[in-house]
Amino acid sequence: MATYDILIADDHPLFRSALHQAVTLGLGPDVRLVEVASIAELEARLTEKADWDLVLLDLNMPGAFGFSGLVMLRGQYPQIPVVMVSAQEEASVMVKSREFGASGFIPKSSDLSVIQEAVRKVLDGDVFWPPQAFEAVKVSDEAKAASDGLASLTPQQFRVLTMVCEGLLNKQIAYELNVSEATIKAHVTAIFRKLNVRTRTQAALLLQQLESIPSQ
């Protein structure tokens, strides 16, 4: 029987444990599970190993702006299926998950049997979507453009962008990433070109297009 390698990316230990239990009970001993609690940890695992069979990704992870984690994964690791897991169960969240390239959506209120069915289906090459994912919710052209731009970034550019949007200066980012300030300036220039923006504020506004619930 095949052995599956699955990444569980969620910052809530209790829910990581519940997912771990559901998947282990559903797939038995033929599954290897690794848990991460932030986008930075997720990226580190993906750098070490790029042939995961599945990523179960919490929508609101530290280091992500809404769907930016999903978009980053689909852009950098298109071969890995991603299933979104979220307590936000609105139709618009599910539709955006589908639009931005996920292979499924598991509401956090789901029974163990639903979680197991979703994981099995996606591992078999299928998709798993609740009915709400097909409601007539329009994803804005701005959000689609933001998704395309973000998907073109390298993992390091993605990290720099999120730090820029958190308000860090180039020298602070350089310190955090242990590189020179000149390297960060070069990254920022490349990011702005790919996103077709000119300022940090514009970059932050673009990233807001990928928030799960739009700002009022």
N, C-alpha and C. Protein backbone atom coordinates (compact mmCIF):
# COMPACT_ATOMS: atom_id res chain seq x y z
N MET A 1 0.85 -1.20 0.00
CA MET A 1 0.00 0.00 0.00
C MET A 1 0.89 1.25 0.00
N ALA A 2 0.42 2.29 -0.66
CA ALA A 2 1.22 3.52 -0.77
C ALA A 2 1.34 4.21 0.59
N THR A 3 2.47 4.85 0.77
CA THR A 3 2.67 5.68 1.96
C THR A 3 2.53 7.14 1.55
N TYR A 4 1.74 7.89 2.31
CA TYR A 4 1.49 9.29 1.98
C TYR A 4 2.22 10.21 2.96
N ASP A 5 2.79 11.28 2.42
CA ASP A 5 3.42 12.33 3.24
C ASP A 5 2.53 13.56 3.20
N ILE A 6 2.01 13.94 4.36
CA ILE A 6 1.04 15.04 4.44
C ILE A 6 1.52 16.10 5.42
N LEU A 7 1.43 17.36 5.01
CA LEU A 7 1.77 18.50 5.86
C LEU A 7 0.48 19.10 6.43
N ILE A 8 0.43 19.25 7.74
CA ILE A 8 -0.70 19.93 8.39
C ILE A 8 -0.21 21.31 8.83
N ALA A 9 -0.74 22.35 8.22
CA ALA A 9 -0.32 23.72 8.51
C ALA A 9 -1.46 24.47 9.20
N ASP A 10 -1.35 24.59 10.52
CA ASP A 10 -2.39 25.26 11.30
C ASP A 10 -1.75 25.78 12.58
N ASP A 11 -2.12 26.98 13.02
CA ASP A 11 -1.48 27.54 14.22
C ASP A 11 -2.21 27.19 15.50
N HIS A 12 -3.28 26.39 15.42
CA HIS A 12 -4.00 25.98 16.63
C HIS A 12 -3.65 24.54 16.98
N PRO A 13 -2.88 24.31 18.06
CA PRO A 13 -2.45 22.95 18.41
C PRO A 13 -3.60 21.97 18.54
N LEU A 14 -4.73 22.43 19.09
CA LEU A 14 -5.88 21.55 19.30
C LEU A 14 -6.43 21.06 17.96
N PHE A 15 -6.52 21.98 16.99
CA PHE A 15 -7.07 21.55 15.70
C PHE A 15 -6.06 20.73 14.91
N ARG A 16 -4.76 21.06 15.03
CA ARG A 16 -3.74 20.22 14.40
C ARG A 16 -3.87 18.78 14.91
N SER A 17 -4.08 18.66 16.21
CA SER A 17 -4.23 17.35 16.83
C SER A 17 -5.46 16.62 16.29
N ALA A 18 -6.56 17.36 16.13
CA ALA A 18 -7.80 16.76 15.60
C ALA A 18 -7.60 16.29 14.15
N LEU A 19 -6.93 17.12 13.34
CA LEU A 19 -6.65 16.73 11.95
C LEU A 19 -5.74 15.50 11.92
N HIS A 20 -4.73 15.54 12.77
CA HIS A 20 -3.77 14.42 12.86
C HIS A 20 -4.52 13.12 13.16
N GLN A 21 -5.41 13.20 14.14
CA GLN A 21 -6.18 12.01 14.55
C GLN A 21 -7.08 11.53 13.41
N ALA A 22 -7.78 12.46 12.77
CA ALA A 22 -8.70 12.10 11.69
C ALA A 22 -7.97 11.42 10.55
N VAL A 23 -6.85 12.00 10.13
CA VAL A 23 -6.09 11.45 9.00
C VAL A 23 -5.47 10.10 9.35
N THR A 24 -4.94 9.99 10.57
CA THR A 24 -4.32 8.74 11.00
C THR A 24 -5.36 7.62 11.06
N LEU A 25 -6.53 7.93 11.62
CA LEU A 25 -7.60 6.92 11.70
C LEU A 25 -8.09 6.53 10.31
N GLY A 26 -8.12 7.53 9.40
CA GLY A 26 -8.63 7.27 8.05
C GLY A 26 -7.67 6.51 7.16
N LEU A 27 -6.38 6.77 7.31
CA LEU A 27 -5.39 6.18 6.40
C LEU A 27 -4.51 5.11 7.06
N GLY A 28 -4.61 4.99 8.38
CA GLY A 28 -3.85 3.96 9.07
C GLY A 28 -2.37 4.28 9.14
N PRO A 29 -1.55 3.23 9.26
CA PRO A 29 -0.11 3.44 9.46
C PRO A 29 0.61 3.92 8.19
N ASP A 30 -0.09 3.91 7.05
CA ASP A 30 0.57 4.26 5.79
C ASP A 30 0.54 5.76 5.50
N VAL A 31 0.66 6.55 6.54
CA VAL A 31 0.68 7.99 6.36
C VAL A 31 1.73 8.59 7.30
N ARG A 32 2.50 9.54 6.76
CA ARG A 32 3.46 10.28 7.58
C ARG A 32 2.96 11.72 7.66
N LEU A 33 2.77 12.21 8.87
CA LEU A 33 2.24 13.55 9.07
C LEU A 33 3.27 14.45 9.71
N VAL A 34 3.41 15.65 9.17
CA VAL A 34 4.29 16.67 9.77
C VAL A 34 3.44 17.91 10.02
N GLU A 35 3.57 18.49 11.22
CA GLU A 35 2.77 19.66 11.58
C GLU A 35 3.63 20.92 11.61
N VAL A 36 3.08 22.01 11.09
CA VAL A 36 3.74 23.33 11.17
C VAL A 36 2.71 24.35 11.64
N ALA A 37 3.21 25.44 12.25
CA ALA A 37 2.31 26.41 12.87
C ALA A 37 2.38 27.80 12.25
N SER A 38 3.17 27.96 11.18
CA SER A 38 3.26 29.28 10.54
C SER A 38 3.67 29.10 9.07
N ILE A 39 3.50 30.16 8.29
CA ILE A 39 3.92 30.11 6.88
C ILE A 39 5.42 29.93 6.78
N ALA A 40 6.18 30.56 7.69
CA ALA A 40 7.65 30.42 7.67
C ALA A 40 8.06 28.95 7.88
N GLU A 41 7.41 28.27 8.82
CA GLU A 41 7.70 26.85 9.06
C GLU A 41 7.29 26.01 7.85
N LEU A 42 6.16 26.37 7.26
CA LEU A 42 5.68 25.65 6.07
C LEU A 42 6.69 25.78 4.93
N GLU A 43 7.17 26.99 4.70
CA GLU A 43 8.16 27.23 3.64
C GLU A 43 9.44 26.45 3.90
N ALA A 44 9.85 26.40 5.17
CA ALA A 44 11.08 25.66 5.52
C ALA A 44 10.92 24.18 5.18
N ARG A 45 9.77 23.61 5.49
CA ARG A 45 9.52 22.19 5.18
C ARG A 45 9.49 21.95 3.68
N LEU A 46 8.90 22.88 2.95
CA LEU A 46 8.81 22.74 1.49
C LEU A 46 10.17 22.88 0.84
N THR A 47 11.04 23.68 1.44
CA THR A 47 12.40 23.84 0.92
C THR A 47 13.18 22.54 1.11
N GLU A 48 12.96 21.90 2.25
CA GLU A 48 13.63 20.62 2.54
C GLU A 48 13.14 19.51 1.62
N LYS A 49 11.84 19.54 1.32
CA LYS A 49 11.21 18.43 0.60
C LYS A 49 10.04 18.98 -0.20
N ALA A 50 10.03 18.76 -1.50
CA ALA A 50 8.99 19.37 -2.35
C ALA A 50 7.99 18.35 -2.89
N ASP A 51 8.11 17.07 -2.47
CA ASP A 51 7.21 16.05 -3.04
C ASP A 51 6.17 15.56 -2.03
N TRP A 52 5.61 16.50 -1.27
CA TRP A 52 4.51 16.15 -0.37
C TRP A 52 3.30 15.69 -1.18
N ASP A 53 2.52 14.79 -0.62
CA ASP A 53 1.32 14.31 -1.33
C ASP A 53 0.13 15.24 -1.11
N LEU A 54 0.19 16.02 -0.02
CA LEU A 54 -0.94 16.89 0.30
C LEU A 54 -0.53 17.89 1.37
N VAL A 55 -1.04 19.14 1.23
CA VAL A 55 -0.93 20.13 2.31
C VAL A 55 -2.33 20.48 2.77
N LEU A 56 -2.57 20.35 4.07
CA LEU A 56 -3.82 20.81 4.68
C LEU A 56 -3.51 22.18 5.28
N LEU A 57 -4.07 23.23 4.70
CA LEU A 57 -3.65 24.60 5.01
C LEU A 57 -4.75 25.41 5.66
N ASP A 58 -4.48 25.84 6.90
CA ASP A 58 -5.40 26.75 7.59
C ASP A 58 -5.39 28.09 6.86
N LEU A 59 -6.56 28.69 6.73
CA LEU A 59 -6.67 29.94 5.97
C LEU A 59 -5.93 31.09 6.66
N ASN A 60 -6.08 31.22 7.97
CA ASN A 60 -5.50 32.36 8.67
C ASN A 60 -4.28 31.94 9.48
N MET A 61 -3.16 31.82 8.78
CA MET A 61 -1.90 31.39 9.40
C MET A 61 -1.01 32.59 9.69
N PRO A 62 -0.24 32.57 10.77
CA PRO A 62 0.77 33.62 10.98
C PRO A 62 1.71 33.68 9.77
N GLY A 63 1.89 34.90 9.23
CA GLY A 63 2.75 35.06 8.06
C GLY A 63 2.00 35.07 6.75
N ALA A 64 0.68 34.87 6.82
CA ALA A 64 -0.13 34.89 5.60
C ALA A 64 -1.13 36.04 5.67
N PHE A 65 -1.48 36.58 4.52
CA PHE A 65 -2.55 37.56 4.41
C PHE A 65 -3.69 36.86 3.68
N GLY A 66 -4.63 36.31 4.46
CA GLY A 66 -5.73 35.59 3.83
C GLY A 66 -5.24 34.47 2.92
N PHE A 67 -5.56 34.59 1.65
CA PHE A 67 -5.26 33.52 0.70
C PHE A 67 -3.83 33.57 0.16
N SER A 68 -2.99 34.46 0.70
CA SER A 68 -1.63 34.58 0.14
C SER A 68 -0.83 33.29 0.32
N GLY A 69 -1.08 32.55 1.41
CA GLY A 69 -0.37 31.28 1.61
C GLY A 69 -0.72 30.27 0.52
N LEU A 70 -2.01 30.19 0.21
CA LEU A 70 -2.46 29.29 -0.87
C LEU A 70 -1.87 29.70 -2.21
N VAL A 71 -1.90 30.99 -2.50
CA VAL A 71 -1.38 31.49 -3.78
C VAL A 71 0.12 31.22 -3.89
N MET A 72 0.84 31.42 -2.78
CA MET A 72 2.28 31.13 -2.78
C MET A 72 2.53 29.65 -3.09
N LEU A 73 1.77 28.78 -2.45
CA LEU A 73 1.93 27.34 -2.66
C LEU A 73 1.64 26.94 -4.10
N ARG A 74 0.57 27.47 -4.64
CA ARG A 74 0.18 27.11 -6.01
C ARG A 74 1.20 27.65 -7.01
N GLY A 75 1.79 28.82 -6.71
CA GLY A 75 2.77 29.40 -7.62
C GLY A 75 4.10 28.68 -7.58
N GLN A 76 4.56 28.33 -6.37
CA GLN A 76 5.89 27.73 -6.20
C GLN A 76 5.90 26.21 -6.27
N TYR A 77 4.81 25.59 -5.83
CA TYR A 77 4.75 24.12 -5.77
C TYR A 77 3.46 23.60 -6.40
N PRO A 78 3.28 23.86 -7.71
CA PRO A 78 2.00 23.52 -8.35
C PRO A 78 1.69 22.02 -8.33
N GLN A 79 2.72 21.20 -8.09
CA GLN A 79 2.49 19.75 -8.10
C GLN A 79 1.86 19.24 -6.81
N ILE A 80 1.84 20.07 -5.76
CA ILE A 80 1.31 19.62 -4.46
C ILE A 80 -0.15 20.07 -4.31
N PRO A 81 -1.09 19.13 -4.16
CA PRO A 81 -2.48 19.54 -3.92
C PRO A 81 -2.63 20.19 -2.54
N VAL A 82 -3.45 21.22 -2.48
CA VAL A 82 -3.67 21.95 -1.23
C VAL A 82 -5.16 21.91 -0.91
N VAL A 83 -5.49 21.53 0.32
CA VAL A 83 -6.88 21.59 0.78
C VAL A 83 -6.94 22.65 1.88
N MET A 84 -7.80 23.63 1.69
CA MET A 84 -7.97 24.68 2.70
C MET A 84 -8.82 24.16 3.85
N VAL A 85 -8.45 24.59 5.06
CA VAL A 85 -9.18 24.21 6.27
C VAL A 85 -9.49 25.51 7.00
N SER A 86 -10.76 25.75 7.31
CA SER A 86 -11.07 27.05 7.92
C SER A 86 -12.36 27.01 8.73
N ALA A 87 -12.39 27.87 9.77
CA ALA A 87 -13.60 28.08 10.53
C ALA A 87 -14.50 29.10 9.83
N GLN A 88 -13.93 29.81 8.83
CA GLN A 88 -14.74 30.73 8.02
C GLN A 88 -15.40 29.91 6.91
N GLU A 89 -16.70 29.72 7.04
CA GLU A 89 -17.40 28.77 6.17
C GLU A 89 -18.36 29.47 5.20
N GLU A 90 -18.11 30.78 4.97
CA GLU A 90 -18.95 31.51 4.03
C GLU A 90 -18.69 31.03 2.60
N ALA A 91 -19.71 31.11 1.76
CA ALA A 91 -19.57 30.70 0.36
C ALA A 91 -18.43 31.45 -0.32
N SER A 92 -18.28 32.76 -0.02
CA SER A 92 -17.25 33.56 -0.69
C SER A 92 -15.85 33.02 -0.40
N VAL A 93 -15.63 32.51 0.82
CA VAL A 93 -14.32 31.97 1.20
C VAL A 93 -14.05 30.68 0.41
N MET A 94 -15.08 29.85 0.27
CA MET A 94 -14.92 28.59 -0.47
C MET A 94 -14.71 28.85 -1.97
N VAL A 95 -15.46 29.79 -2.51
CA VAL A 95 -15.33 30.13 -3.94
C VAL A 95 -13.92 30.66 -4.22
N LYS A 96 -13.42 31.53 -3.35
CA LYS A 96 -12.06 32.07 -3.54
C LYS A 96 -11.02 30.96 -3.43
N SER A 97 -11.22 30.04 -2.50
CA SER A 97 -10.29 28.90 -2.37
C SER A 97 -10.20 28.14 -3.69
N ARG A 98 -11.35 27.92 -4.30
CA ARG A 98 -11.40 27.18 -5.58
C ARG A 98 -10.78 28.01 -6.70
N GLU A 99 -11.10 29.30 -6.72
CA GLU A 99 -10.59 30.21 -7.76
C GLU A 99 -9.06 30.32 -7.70
N PHE A 100 -8.52 30.30 -6.48
CA PHE A 100 -7.08 30.49 -6.31
C PHE A 100 -6.29 29.18 -6.35
N GLY A 101 -6.96 28.07 -6.70
CA GLY A 101 -6.22 26.86 -7.02
C GLY A 101 -6.19 25.74 -6.00
N ALA A 102 -7.00 25.84 -4.92
CA ALA A 102 -7.03 24.73 -3.97
C ALA A 102 -7.74 23.53 -4.59
N SER A 103 -7.50 22.36 -4.01
CA SER A 103 -8.15 21.13 -4.49
C SER A 103 -9.35 20.76 -3.63
N GLY A 104 -9.59 21.54 -2.59
CA GLY A 104 -10.73 21.24 -1.74
C GLY A 104 -10.81 22.19 -0.56
N PHE A 105 -11.88 22.02 0.22
CA PHE A 105 -12.13 22.88 1.38
C PHE A 105 -12.78 22.04 2.47
N ILE A 106 -12.19 22.07 3.67
CA ILE A 106 -12.76 21.36 4.81
C ILE A 106 -13.18 22.39 5.87
N PRO A 107 -14.48 22.55 6.11
CA PRO A 107 -14.90 23.43 7.21
C PRO A 107 -14.43 22.84 8.54
N LYS A 108 -13.99 23.70 9.46
CA LYS A 108 -13.49 23.20 10.74
C LYS A 108 -14.59 22.57 11.59
N SER A 109 -15.84 22.80 11.22
CA SER A 109 -16.95 22.19 11.96
C SER A 109 -17.24 20.75 11.49
N SER A 110 -16.46 20.27 10.51
CA SER A 110 -16.74 18.96 9.91
C SER A 110 -16.52 17.80 10.88
N ASP A 111 -17.31 16.73 10.68
CA ASP A 111 -17.09 15.48 11.41
C ASP A 111 -15.80 14.83 10.93
N LEU A 112 -15.28 13.91 11.74
CA LEU A 112 -14.07 13.17 11.36
C LEU A 112 -14.25 12.48 10.01
N SER A 113 -15.45 11.92 9.79
CA SER A 113 -15.69 11.17 8.54
C SER A 113 -15.58 12.07 7.31
N VAL A 114 -16.00 13.33 7.44
CA VAL A 114 -15.93 14.28 6.32
C VAL A 114 -14.46 14.63 6.04
N ILE A 115 -13.70 14.87 7.10
CA ILE A 115 -12.27 15.16 6.95
C ILE A 115 -11.58 13.99 6.24
N GLN A 116 -11.89 12.78 6.68
CA GLN A 116 -11.27 11.58 6.08
C GLN A 116 -11.65 11.42 4.61
N GLU A 117 -12.92 11.67 4.31
CA GLU A 117 -13.38 11.56 2.91
C GLU A 117 -12.66 12.58 2.03
N ALA A 118 -12.54 13.83 2.54
CA ALA A 118 -11.89 14.89 1.76
C ALA A 118 -10.43 14.52 1.48
N VAL A 119 -9.72 14.07 2.49
CA VAL A 119 -8.30 13.72 2.33
C VAL A 119 -8.15 12.56 1.35
N ARG A 120 -8.98 11.54 1.49
CA ARG A 120 -8.89 10.38 0.60
C ARG A 120 -9.13 10.78 -0.85
N LYS A 121 -10.18 11.58 -1.07
CA LYS A 121 -10.52 11.97 -2.45
C LYS A 121 -9.39 12.75 -3.11
N VAL A 122 -8.80 13.70 -2.39
CA VAL A 122 -7.74 14.52 -2.98
C VAL A 122 -6.47 13.68 -3.20
N LEU A 123 -6.17 12.78 -2.28
CA LEU A 123 -5.01 11.89 -2.48
C LEU A 123 -5.21 11.00 -3.70
N ASP A 124 -6.48 10.70 -4.01
CA ASP A 124 -6.79 9.87 -5.20
C ASP A 124 -6.82 10.69 -6.49
N GLY A 125 -6.49 11.99 -6.38
CA GLY A 125 -6.44 12.82 -7.57
C GLY A 125 -7.73 13.55 -7.87
N ASP A 126 -8.70 13.47 -6.96
CA ASP A 126 -9.99 14.12 -7.15
C ASP A 126 -9.99 15.45 -6.37
N VAL A 127 -11.14 16.08 -6.26
CA VAL A 127 -11.29 17.31 -5.48
C VAL A 127 -12.41 17.10 -4.46
N PHE A 128 -12.48 17.97 -3.46
CA PHE A 128 -13.54 17.88 -2.46
C PHE A 128 -14.05 19.27 -2.13
N TRP A 129 -15.28 19.54 -2.55
CA TRP A 129 -15.86 20.87 -2.32
C TRP A 129 -17.25 20.77 -1.72
N PRO A 130 -17.51 21.49 -0.60
CA PRO A 130 -18.89 21.62 -0.12
C PRO A 130 -19.73 22.35 -1.18
N PRO A 131 -21.04 22.17 -1.17
CA PRO A 131 -21.90 22.80 -2.19
C PRO A 131 -21.74 24.32 -2.29
N GLN A 132 -21.44 24.97 -1.16
CA GLN A 132 -21.32 26.45 -1.17
C GLN A 132 -20.21 26.93 -2.09
N ALA A 133 -19.24 26.06 -2.39
CA ALA A 133 -18.10 26.47 -3.22
C ALA A 133 -18.53 26.76 -4.66
N PHE A 134 -19.77 26.39 -5.01
CA PHE A 134 -20.24 26.60 -6.38
C PHE A 134 -21.34 27.65 -6.47
N GLU A 135 -21.51 28.41 -5.38
CA GLU A 135 -22.49 29.50 -5.41
C GLU A 135 -21.97 30.63 -6.30
N ALA A 136 -22.88 31.45 -6.75
CA ALA A 136 -22.53 32.53 -7.70
C ALA A 136 -21.91 33.71 -6.95
N VAL A 137 -20.69 33.53 -6.52
CA VAL A 137 -19.95 34.61 -5.85
C VAL A 137 -18.86 35.08 -6.81
N LYS A 138 -18.83 36.37 -7.09
CA LYS A 138 -17.84 36.89 -8.04
C LYS A 138 -16.53 37.22 -7.32
N VAL A 139 -15.44 36.74 -7.88
CA VAL A 139 -14.11 37.11 -7.39
C VAL A 139 -13.64 38.29 -8.23
N SER A 140 -13.27 39.40 -7.58
CA SER A 140 -12.96 40.63 -8.31
C SER A 140 -11.74 40.46 -9.22
N ASP A 141 -11.71 41.26 -10.27
CA ASP A 141 -10.56 41.26 -11.18
C ASP A 141 -9.29 41.66 -10.43
N GLU A 142 -9.44 42.57 -9.44
CA GLU A 142 -8.28 43.02 -8.65
C GLU A 142 -7.70 41.85 -7.87
N ALA A 143 -8.59 41.03 -7.29
CA ALA A 143 -8.12 39.88 -6.51
C ALA A 143 -7.42 38.87 -7.42
N LYS A 144 -7.97 38.67 -8.62
CA LYS A 144 -7.34 37.74 -9.57
C LYS A 144 -5.97 38.24 -9.99
N ALA A 145 -5.87 39.55 -10.25
CA ALA A 145 -4.58 40.14 -10.64
C ALA A 145 -3.58 40.03 -9.50
N ALA A 146 -4.04 40.26 -8.27
CA ALA A 146 -3.17 40.13 -7.11
C ALA A 146 -2.67 38.70 -6.98
N SER A 147 -3.56 37.75 -7.21
CA SER A 147 -3.19 36.32 -7.14
C SER A 147 -2.14 35.98 -8.18
N ASP A 148 -2.33 36.44 -9.40
CA ASP A 148 -1.36 36.16 -10.48
C ASP A 148 0.00 36.75 -10.16
N GLY A 149 0.01 37.98 -9.65
CA GLY A 149 1.27 38.64 -9.31
C GLY A 149 2.00 37.91 -8.19
N LEU A 150 1.26 37.57 -7.13
CA LEU A 150 1.88 36.87 -6.00
C LEU A 150 2.42 35.51 -6.39
N ALA A 151 1.69 34.82 -7.28
CA ALA A 151 2.11 33.48 -7.70
C ALA A 151 3.44 33.51 -8.44
N SER A 152 3.82 34.68 -8.97
CA SER A 152 5.07 34.78 -9.74
C SER A 152 6.28 35.05 -8.85
N LEU A 153 6.04 35.32 -7.55
CA LEU A 153 7.15 35.63 -6.65
C LEU A 153 7.90 34.37 -6.24
N THR A 154 9.20 34.51 -5.99
CA THR A 154 9.97 33.40 -5.42
C THR A 154 9.64 33.32 -3.93
N PRO A 155 9.94 32.19 -3.26
CA PRO A 155 9.67 32.10 -1.82
C PRO A 155 10.32 33.23 -1.02
N GLN A 156 11.56 33.60 -1.37
CA GLN A 156 12.24 34.67 -0.64
C GLN A 156 11.55 36.01 -0.89
N GLN A 157 11.12 36.27 -2.13
CA GLN A 157 10.39 37.51 -2.43
C GLN A 157 9.06 37.55 -1.67
N PHE A 158 8.42 36.41 -1.56
CA PHE A 158 7.16 36.34 -0.81
C PHE A 158 7.39 36.71 0.65
N ARG A 159 8.48 36.18 1.23
CA ARG A 159 8.82 36.50 2.63
C ARG A 159 9.07 38.00 2.78
N VAL A 160 9.84 38.56 1.85
CA VAL A 160 10.17 40.00 1.91
C VAL A 160 8.89 40.82 1.80
N LEU A 161 8.01 40.44 0.90
CA LEU A 161 6.76 41.18 0.71
C LEU A 161 5.91 41.20 1.98
N THR A 162 5.77 40.05 2.62
CA THR A 162 4.95 40.02 3.85
C THR A 162 5.57 40.90 4.93
N MET A 163 6.90 40.94 5.00
CA MET A 163 7.56 41.78 6.00
C MET A 163 7.42 43.27 5.66
N VAL A 164 7.48 43.58 4.37
CA VAL A 164 7.24 44.96 3.92
C VAL A 164 5.83 45.39 4.36
N CYS A 165 4.87 44.50 4.16
CA CYS A 165 3.48 44.82 4.47
C CYS A 165 3.21 44.86 5.97
N GLU A 166 4.11 44.27 6.74
CA GLU A 166 4.01 44.37 8.20
C GLU A 166 4.66 45.65 8.72
N GLY A 167 5.24 46.44 7.78
CA GLY A 167 5.79 47.73 8.15
C GLY A 167 7.27 47.75 8.46
N LEU A 168 7.97 46.63 8.20
CA LEU A 168 9.40 46.60 8.50
C LEU A 168 10.20 47.38 7.44
N LEU A 169 11.26 48.02 7.89
CA LEU A 169 12.16 48.74 6.98
C LEU A 169 13.12 47.75 6.34
N ASN A 170 13.75 48.18 5.23
CA ASN A 170 14.69 47.29 4.52
C ASN A 170 15.78 46.75 5.45
N LYS A 171 16.32 47.63 6.31
CA LYS A 171 17.42 47.19 7.19
C LYS A 171 16.92 46.18 8.22
N GLN A 172 15.66 46.33 8.65
CA GLN A 172 15.10 45.36 9.60
C GLN A 172 14.87 44.00 8.93
N ILE A 173 14.39 44.05 7.69
CA ILE A 173 14.16 42.81 6.94
C ILE A 173 15.50 42.11 6.67
N ALA A 174 16.52 42.92 6.31
CA ALA A 174 17.85 42.36 6.06
C ALA A 174 18.37 41.65 7.31
N TYR A 175 18.15 42.27 8.47
CA TYR A 175 18.59 41.67 9.73
C TYR A 175 17.85 40.35 9.99
N GLU A 176 16.52 40.38 9.81
CA GLU A 176 15.70 39.19 10.07
C GLU A 176 16.09 38.02 9.16
N LEU A 177 16.39 38.32 7.90
CA LEU A 177 16.69 37.28 6.92
C LEU A 177 18.19 37.01 6.78
N ASN A 178 18.98 37.76 7.55
CA ASN A 178 20.43 37.56 7.56
C ASN A 178 21.07 37.74 6.18
N VAL A 179 20.65 38.82 5.50
CA VAL A 179 21.24 39.16 4.19
C VAL A 179 21.56 40.66 4.21
N SER A 180 22.18 41.15 3.15
CA SER A 180 22.53 42.58 3.12
C SER A 180 21.31 43.43 2.78
N GLU A 181 21.39 44.70 3.16
CA GLU A 181 20.31 45.63 2.83
C GLU A 181 20.19 45.80 1.32
N ALA A 182 21.32 45.74 0.61
CA ALA A 182 21.30 45.86 -0.86
C ALA A 182 20.50 44.71 -1.48
N THR A 183 20.63 43.52 -0.89
CA THR A 183 19.87 42.35 -1.38
C THR A 183 18.37 42.58 -1.22
N ILE A 184 17.99 43.13 -0.07
CA ILE A 184 16.56 43.41 0.18
C ILE A 184 16.05 44.46 -0.80
N LYS A 185 16.86 45.51 -1.03
CA LYS A 185 16.45 46.55 -2.00
C LYS A 185 16.21 45.93 -3.38
N ALA A 186 17.09 45.01 -3.78
CA ALA A 186 16.93 44.34 -5.08
C ALA A 186 15.66 43.50 -5.11
N HIS A 187 15.38 42.81 -3.99
CA HIS A 187 14.14 42.02 -3.90
C HIS A 187 12.91 42.92 -4.01
N VAL A 188 12.93 44.03 -3.28
CA VAL A 188 11.78 44.95 -3.28
C VAL A 188 11.53 45.49 -4.69
N THR A 189 12.60 45.85 -5.39
CA THR A 189 12.48 46.33 -6.77
C THR A 189 11.83 45.27 -7.65
N ALA A 190 12.30 44.03 -7.52
CA ALA A 190 11.76 42.93 -8.33
C ALA A 190 10.29 42.65 -7.98
N ILE A 191 9.97 42.72 -6.68
CA ILE A 191 8.59 42.48 -6.23
C ILE A 191 7.66 43.55 -6.81
N PHE A 192 8.06 44.82 -6.70
CA PHE A 192 7.23 45.91 -7.22
C PHE A 192 6.99 45.74 -8.72
N ARG A 193 8.04 45.31 -9.44
CA ARG A 193 7.90 45.12 -10.89
C ARG A 193 6.89 44.00 -11.19
N LYS A 194 7.01 42.88 -10.47
CA LYS A 194 6.12 41.74 -10.70
C LYS A 194 4.67 42.06 -10.33
N LEU A 195 4.50 42.87 -9.28
CA LEU A 195 3.14 43.20 -8.82
C LEU A 195 2.59 44.45 -9.51
N ASN A 196 3.45 45.10 -10.32
CA ASN A 196 3.05 46.32 -11.02
C ASN A 196 2.59 47.42 -10.05
N VAL A 197 3.40 47.59 -8.98
CA VAL A 197 3.14 48.68 -8.02
C VAL A 197 4.42 49.50 -7.87
N ARG A 198 4.26 50.68 -7.27
CA ARG A 198 5.42 51.58 -7.14
C ARG A 198 5.79 51.87 -5.69
N THR A 199 4.87 51.62 -4.78
CA THR A 199 5.14 51.97 -3.38
C THR A 199 4.78 50.80 -2.46
N ARG A 200 5.28 50.89 -1.23
CA ARG A 200 4.96 49.88 -0.22
C ARG A 200 3.46 49.88 0.10
N THR A 201 2.88 51.06 0.12
CA THR A 201 1.44 51.16 0.40
C THR A 201 0.63 50.44 -0.67
N GLN A 202 1.01 50.64 -1.94
CA GLN A 202 0.31 49.95 -3.03
C GLN A 202 0.47 48.43 -2.91
N ALA A 203 1.66 48.00 -2.51
CA ALA A 203 1.90 46.56 -2.34
C ALA A 203 1.01 45.99 -1.23
N ALA A 204 0.91 46.74 -0.14
CA ALA A 204 0.07 46.30 0.99
C ALA A 204 -1.40 46.26 0.59
N LEU A 205 -1.85 47.25 -0.16
CA LEU A 205 -3.24 47.29 -0.63
C LEU A 205 -3.53 46.11 -1.56
N LEU A 206 -2.54 45.78 -2.39
CA LEU A 206 -2.70 44.65 -3.31
C LEU A 206 -2.84 43.35 -2.51
N LEU A 207 -2.02 43.21 -1.48
CA LEU A 207 -2.09 42.00 -0.66
C LEU A 207 -3.44 41.90 0.05
N GLN A 208 -4.02 43.05 0.40
CA GLN A 208 -5.34 43.06 1.05
C GLN A 208 -6.43 42.47 0.15
N GLN A 209 -6.19 42.47 -1.17
CA GLN A 209 -7.17 41.87 -2.09
C GLN A 209 -7.34 40.38 -1.82
N LEU A 210 -6.36 39.79 -1.16
CA LEU A 210 -6.40 38.35 -0.90
C LEU A 210 -6.88 38.03 0.51
N GLU A 211 -7.33 39.03 1.26
CA GLU A 211 -7.90 38.76 2.58
C GLU A 211 -9.17 37.95 2.42
N SER A 212 -9.41 37.06 3.37
CA SER A 212 -10.57 36.17 3.25
C SER A 212 -11.88 36.92 3.37
N ILE A 213 -11.92 37.87 4.29
CA ILE A 213 -13.11 38.71 4.45
C ILE A 213 -12.69 40.15 4.11
N PRO A 214 -13.27 40.75 3.06
CA PRO A 214 -12.84 42.08 2.64
C PRO A 214 -12.96 43.11 3.75
N SER A 215 -12.02 44.05 3.78
CA SER A 215 -12.08 45.15 4.76
C SER A 215 -13.29 46.01 4.44
N GLN A 216 -13.94 46.45 5.51
CA GLN A 216 -15.13 47.30 5.30
C GLN A 216 -14.72 48.73 5.03
